[in-house]
Amino acid sequence: MFFKIFRYFLLVSIFFTTFSYANDDEWNIHDFGSYVVASVPGEVVHGDKMRFVLEKRDCNKIGIMFSFLTYKSSDTPELQGRKVPIRINGSNTLNIADVVLVRPAFSNMAFFVMFTAPQYYPLNEFTDGIMNDYRKDNIFSITLAKSEDFDPEKYFDILDNNWKLDKFPEKITEAHLMCKGKQDKIFKG
């Protein structure tokens, strides 16, 4: 029960803080007390952020969250708690993302949908892997995919977004130092 309450608080605070204070084209790093979040806006929909979460209880593991805003369907709230298929960088392999938060936006004219990867990953391995993939085409994209029991076109008007990760290594290093309580040693330039 405590974990569910903590997770809900984490999601709500990430949504309201990074959604309202993010610059359109820059990374943001926020310390939320028990976790640090580095976020970057999407290139298709700038309000859709890619978030990298480091929990202070283990700063060497990273969680991934991303959001999609949709104006499409009043049925969107039924997605909360579902697992939905996604494609990363146009791969033929389907991955799974958990829908962890669905909230109305813009006077109930739209819905903000927050997804998360189903697990945390070792930070160094994740950083190497995502940057190796990113450097191939200088793009990191997520597409909401169709499966036998899920049609993203029912819920979403835009099915894909991509994020610039050129600064990911330096920004995740900054977030990691902040997570470990060493942010005073970060070069600001």
Protein backbone atom coordinates (compact mmCIF):
# COMPACT_ATOMS: atom_id res chain seq x y z
CA MET A 1 0.00 0.00 0.00
CA PHE A 2 2.81 2.43 0.89
CA PHE A 3 4.51 1.75 -2.47
CA LYS A 4 1.28 2.58 -4.35
CA ILE A 5 0.88 5.85 -2.47
CA PHE A 6 4.54 6.74 -3.01
CA ARG A 7 4.33 5.89 -6.71
CA TYR A 8 1.20 8.02 -7.11
CA PHE A 9 2.89 10.96 -5.33
CA LEU A 10 5.96 10.54 -7.54
CA LEU A 11 3.90 10.57 -10.72
CA VAL A 12 1.78 13.56 -9.75
CA SER A 13 4.78 15.60 -8.64
CA ILE A 14 6.75 14.73 -11.79
CA PHE A 15 3.78 15.67 -13.95
CA PHE A 16 3.10 19.03 -12.35
CA THR A 17 6.68 20.15 -11.85
CA THR A 18 8.30 19.14 -15.12
CA PHE A 19 5.19 19.89 -17.17
CA SER A 20 4.86 23.42 -15.90
CA TYR A 21 8.49 24.54 -15.69
CA ALA A 22 10.19 22.87 -18.66
CA ASN A 23 11.79 24.91 -21.41
CA ASP A 24 10.75 24.04 -24.94
CA ASP A 25 14.16 22.88 -26.12
CA GLU A 26 16.28 22.17 -23.07
CA TRP A 27 16.85 19.47 -20.53
CA ASN A 28 15.60 19.99 -16.98
CA ILE A 29 16.84 18.26 -13.86
CA HIS A 30 14.80 18.36 -10.66
CA ASP A 31 15.50 17.00 -7.19
CA PHE A 32 12.23 15.79 -5.65
CA GLY A 33 13.74 14.74 -2.32
CA SER A 34 13.84 10.96 -2.67
CA TYR A 35 14.46 10.91 -6.42
CA VAL A 36 15.97 13.02 -9.20
CA VAL A 37 14.37 13.39 -12.63
CA ALA A 38 16.10 14.51 -15.83
CA SER A 39 13.63 15.37 -18.58
CA VAL A 40 13.73 16.45 -22.19
CA PRO A 41 10.79 17.66 -24.32
CA GLY A 42 9.58 15.80 -27.37
CA GLU A 43 10.22 17.03 -30.87
CA VAL A 44 6.76 16.15 -32.24
CA VAL A 45 4.78 17.28 -29.18
CA HIS A 46 6.96 19.40 -26.92
CA GLY A 47 4.73 18.85 -23.89
CA ASP A 48 5.39 15.11 -24.14
CA LYS A 49 8.50 14.55 -22.08
CA MET A 50 10.98 11.73 -21.80
CA ARG A 51 11.89 11.42 -18.13
CA PHE A 52 14.79 9.53 -16.61
CA VAL A 53 14.28 8.76 -12.91
CA LEU A 54 17.01 8.04 -10.36
CA GLU A 55 15.79 7.02 -6.91
CA LYS A 56 18.16 8.10 -4.16
CA ARG A 57 17.98 4.69 -2.46
CA ASP A 58 19.96 3.35 -5.48
CA CYS A 59 21.34 6.05 -7.77
CA ASN A 60 22.93 3.42 -10.02
CA LYS A 61 19.58 2.28 -11.44
CA ILE A 62 17.45 4.27 -13.86
CA GLY A 63 13.76 4.26 -14.61
CA ILE A 64 12.19 5.62 -17.79
CA MET A 65 8.93 7.49 -18.04
CA PHE A 66 7.41 9.21 -21.05
CA SER A 67 4.15 10.94 -21.77
CA PHE A 68 1.72 11.39 -24.62
CA LEU A 69 -0.97 14.05 -24.73
CA THR A 70 -4.14 13.12 -26.60
CA TYR A 71 -7.29 14.93 -27.66
CA LYS A 72 -8.79 11.83 -29.22
CA SER A 73 -11.07 9.88 -26.89
CA SER A 74 -13.12 10.21 -23.73
CA ASP A 75 -12.29 6.50 -23.21
CA THR A 76 -8.63 7.32 -22.52
CA PRO A 77 -8.94 7.03 -18.69
CA GLU A 78 -9.65 3.30 -19.08
CA LEU A 79 -5.99 2.89 -20.11
CA GLN A 80 -4.67 3.52 -16.59
CA GLY A 81 -3.09 0.33 -15.28
CA ARG A 82 -2.84 -1.32 -18.72
CA LYS A 83 0.23 -2.60 -20.47
CA VAL A 84 0.46 -1.30 -24.03
CA PRO A 85 2.76 -2.23 -26.90
CA ILE A 86 5.35 0.25 -28.15
CA ARG A 87 8.06 0.27 -30.78
CA ILE A 88 11.37 1.92 -30.05
CA ASN A 89 13.23 3.50 -32.97
CA GLY A 90 10.98 1.79 -35.51
CA SER A 91 12.05 -1.69 -34.43
CA ASN A 92 9.94 -4.65 -35.50
CA THR A 93 10.15 -5.89 -31.91
CA LEU A 94 7.26 -4.92 -29.66
CA ASN A 95 8.14 -3.67 -26.20
CA ILE A 96 5.70 -3.10 -23.36
CA ALA A 97 5.04 0.09 -21.40
CA ASP A 98 2.83 0.43 -18.35
CA VAL A 99 0.24 3.22 -18.29
CA VAL A 100 0.68 4.59 -14.78
CA LEU A 101 -1.25 7.85 -14.91
CA VAL A 102 -4.07 9.31 -16.98
CA ARG A 103 -5.14 12.85 -16.12
CA PRO A 104 -7.43 15.35 -17.82
CA ALA A 105 -5.73 18.42 -19.29
CA PHE A 106 -6.80 21.72 -20.83
CA SER A 107 -10.24 21.92 -19.19
CA ASN A 108 -10.93 18.23 -19.89
CA MET A 109 -10.41 18.68 -23.63
CA ALA A 110 -7.38 16.36 -23.59
CA PHE A 111 -5.71 13.67 -21.52
CA PHE A 112 -2.15 13.46 -20.33
CA VAL A 113 -1.00 9.81 -20.34
CA MET A 114 2.16 8.81 -18.46
CA PHE A 115 3.93 5.57 -19.36
CA THR A 116 6.80 3.82 -17.65
CA ALA A 117 9.15 1.00 -18.50
CA PRO A 118 8.27 -2.09 -16.45
CA GLN A 119 11.57 -2.07 -14.56
CA TYR A 120 14.64 -0.08 -13.54
CA TYR A 121 17.90 -0.70 -15.42
CA PRO A 122 21.57 -0.56 -14.41
CA LEU A 123 22.57 3.05 -15.14
CA ASN A 124 25.87 2.48 -16.96
CA GLU A 125 24.56 -0.34 -19.16
CA PHE A 126 21.43 1.65 -19.99
CA THR A 127 23.46 4.77 -20.85
CA ASP A 128 25.78 2.82 -23.16
CA GLY A 129 22.88 1.01 -24.82
CA ILE A 130 20.64 4.03 -25.41
CA MET A 131 23.52 6.12 -26.74
CA ASN A 132 24.68 3.33 -29.09
CA ASP A 133 21.14 3.12 -30.49
CA TYR A 134 20.75 6.89 -30.60
CA ARG A 135 24.01 7.52 -32.47
CA LYS A 136 22.95 5.24 -35.35
CA ASP A 137 20.34 7.71 -36.61
CA ASN A 138 20.48 10.55 -34.06
CA ILE A 139 16.92 9.79 -33.06
CA PHE A 140 15.18 8.15 -30.16
CA SER A 141 11.54 7.50 -30.96
CA ILE A 142 8.61 5.73 -29.40
CA THR A 143 5.57 4.68 -31.39
CA LEU A 144 2.41 3.41 -29.74
CA ALA A 145 1.83 0.11 -31.53
CA LYS A 146 -1.19 -1.95 -32.45
CA SER A 147 -1.66 -5.47 -31.10
CA GLU A 148 -4.48 -8.01 -30.99
CA ASP A 149 -6.00 -6.39 -27.90
CA PHE A 150 -4.89 -2.76 -28.28
CA ASP A 151 -5.49 -0.20 -31.01
CA PRO A 152 -3.73 3.07 -30.16
CA GLU A 153 -5.76 4.94 -32.78
CA LYS A 154 -8.81 4.52 -30.54
CA TYR A 155 -7.14 6.63 -27.83
CA PHE A 156 -4.42 8.77 -29.39
CA ASP A 157 -4.37 11.31 -32.20
CA ILE A 158 -0.55 11.30 -32.43
CA LEU A 159 1.05 7.86 -32.14
CA ASP A 160 4.73 8.71 -32.05
CA ASN A 161 7.23 11.15 -30.68
CA ASN A 162 10.97 11.46 -30.66
CA TRP A 163 13.46 13.08 -28.33
CA LYS A 164 16.91 14.57 -28.83
CA LEU A 165 19.34 12.73 -26.59
CA ASP A 166 22.59 14.41 -27.66
CA LYS A 167 23.06 15.78 -24.14
CA PHE A 168 21.89 12.61 -22.37
CA PRO A 169 25.35 11.48 -21.12
CA GLU A 170 26.19 14.84 -19.54
CA LYS A 171 22.67 15.42 -18.19
CA ILE A 172 22.36 11.96 -16.68
CA THR A 173 25.81 12.44 -15.10
CA GLU A 174 24.55 15.70 -13.60
CA ALA A 175 21.39 13.96 -12.35
CA HIS A 176 23.48 11.10 -10.93
CA LEU A 177 25.71 13.53 -9.02
CA MET A 178 22.61 15.30 -7.71
CA CYS A 179 21.15 11.94 -6.70
CA LYS A 180 24.32 11.11 -4.75
CA GLY A 181 24.32 14.56 -3.10
CA LYS A 182 27.34 15.85 -5.02
CA GLN A 183 25.64 18.52 -7.15
CA ASP A 184 28.06 21.22 -5.95
CA LYS A 185 30.77 19.52 -8.05
CA ILE A 186 28.78 19.86 -11.27
CA PHE A 187 30.28 22.06 -13.96
CA LYS A 188 27.74 24.64 -15.07
CA GLY A 189 28.66 26.03 -18.44
